[in-house]
C-alpha atoms as a PDB file:
ATOM      1  CA  MET A   1      20.470  38.879  11.879  1.00  0.00           C
ATOM      2  CA  GLY A   2      18.523  40.738   9.324  1.00  0.00           C
ATOM      3  CA  LYS A   3      17.774  40.902   5.641  1.00  0.00           C
ATOM      4  CA  GLY A   4      21.400  40.265   4.688  1.00  0.00           C
ATOM      5  CA  ASP A   5      21.681  37.044   6.700  1.00  0.00           C
ATOM      6  CA  ILE A   6      20.707  34.254   4.298  1.00  0.00           C
ATOM      7  CA  LYS A   7      20.399  31.699   7.120  1.00  0.00           C
ATOM      8  CA  THR A   8      17.431  33.491   8.723  1.00  0.00           C
ATOM      9  CA  ARG A   9      13.842  33.540   7.575  1.00  0.00           C
ATOM     10  CA  ARG A  10      13.935  37.283   6.929  1.00  0.00           C
ATOM     11  CA  GLY A  11      17.093  36.825   4.855  1.00  0.00           C
ATOM     12  CA  LYS A  12      15.449  34.055   2.839  1.00  0.00           C
ATOM     13  CA  ILE A  13      12.469  36.294   2.111  1.00  0.00           C
ATOM     14  CA  ALA A  14      14.731  39.169   1.074  1.00  0.00           C
ATOM     15  CA  ASN A  15      16.841  36.872  -1.122  1.00  0.00           C
ATOM     16  CA  LYS A  16      13.694  35.166  -2.525  1.00  0.00           C
ATOM     17  CA  SER A  17      15.014  31.721  -1.735  1.00  0.00           C
ATOM     18  CA  TYR A  18      13.757  28.711   0.155  1.00  0.00           C
ATOM     19  CA  GLY A  19      15.321  26.244   2.548  1.00  0.00           C
ATOM     20  CA  ARG A  20      14.929  24.666   5.956  1.00  0.00           C
ATOM     21  CA  ARG A  21      14.093  27.992   7.616  1.00  0.00           C
ATOM     22  CA  ARG A  22      11.598  28.929   4.911  1.00  0.00           C
ATOM     23  CA  PRO A  23      10.128  25.779   3.358  1.00  0.00           C
ATOM     24  CA  LYS A  24       7.930  25.931   0.293  1.00  0.00           C
ATOM     25  CA  LYS A  25       4.307  25.114   0.868  1.00  0.00           C
ATOM     26  CA  GLY A  26       3.793  21.688  -0.630  1.00  0.00           C
ATOM     27  CA  LYS A  27       0.745  20.484  -2.485  1.00  0.00           C
ATOM     28  CA  LYS A  28      -2.039  19.306  -0.256  1.00  0.00           C
ATOM     29  CA  ILE A  29      -2.548  15.584  -0.430  1.00  0.00           C
ATOM     30  CA  VAL A  30      -6.220  14.723  -0.506  1.00  0.00           C
ATOM     31  CA  VAL A  31      -7.105  11.269   0.712  1.00  0.00           C
ATOM     32  CA  VAL A  32     -10.395   9.961  -0.598  1.00  0.00           C
ATOM     33  CA  ALA A  33     -11.985   7.369   1.648  1.00  0.00           C
ATOM     34  CA  LYS A  34     -13.092   4.253  -0.167  1.00  0.00           C
ATOM     35  CA  LYS A  35     -16.695   3.228   0.175  1.00  0.00           C
ATOM     36  CA  ALA A  36     -17.235   0.289   2.472  1.00  0.00           C
ATOM     37  CA  LYS A  37     -18.210  -2.859   0.647  1.00  0.00           C
ATOM     38  CA  LYS A  38     -21.604  -4.188   1.504  1.00  0.00           C
ATOM     39  CA  SER A  39     -21.143  -7.670   2.843  1.00  0.00           C
ATOM     40  CA  LYS A  40     -23.923 -10.172   2.866  1.00  0.00           C
ATOM     41  CA  ALA A  41     -25.347 -10.770   6.293  1.00  0.00           C
ATOM     42  CA  LYS A  42     -24.234 -14.116   7.591  1.00  0.00           C
ATOM     43  CA  ALA A  43     -26.957 -16.587   8.516  1.00  0.00           C
ATOM     44  CA  PRO A  44     -27.236 -17.033  12.259  1.00  0.00           C
ATOM     45  CA  ALA A  45     -25.530 -20.116  13.610  1.00  0.00           C
ATOM     46  CA  LYS A  46     -27.794 -23.131  13.681  1.00  0.00           C
ATOM     47  CA  LYS A  47     -28.668 -24.401  17.087  1.00  0.00           C
ATOM     48  CA  THR A  48     -28.026 -28.075  17.581  1.00  0.00           C
ATOM     49  CA  ALA A  49     -31.010 -29.988  18.829  1.00  0.00           C
ATOM     50  CA  THR A  50     -30.404 -31.750  22.098  1.00  0.00           C
ATOM     51  CA  LYS A  51     -31.420 -35.376  22.092  1.00  0.00           C
ATOM     52  CA  LYS A  52     -33.801 -36.390  24.774  1.00  0.00           C
ATOM     53  CA  THR A  53     -33.046 -39.776  26.187  1.00  0.00           C
ATOM     54  CA  ALA A  54     -35.700 -41.921  27.679  1.00  0.00           C
ATOM     55  CA  LYS A  55     -35.330 -42.422  31.367  1.00  0.00           C
ATOM     56  CA  LYS A  56     -35.067 -46.034  32.497  1.00  0.00           C
ATOM     57  CA  LYS A  57     -37.304 -47.108  35.334  1.00  0.00           C
END
């Protein structure tokens, strides 16, 4: 379990190799957030007029 053991991290470093125990550092993936689209403000809902009925006497 030392520099001669290729299956250990220390052995990978000594052998200058990579694998599951010593993975290569991958490139950083940069995610750019898209700008939010400006949506037109919706017109407020129209209120329906209530009909007034004449009261019968």
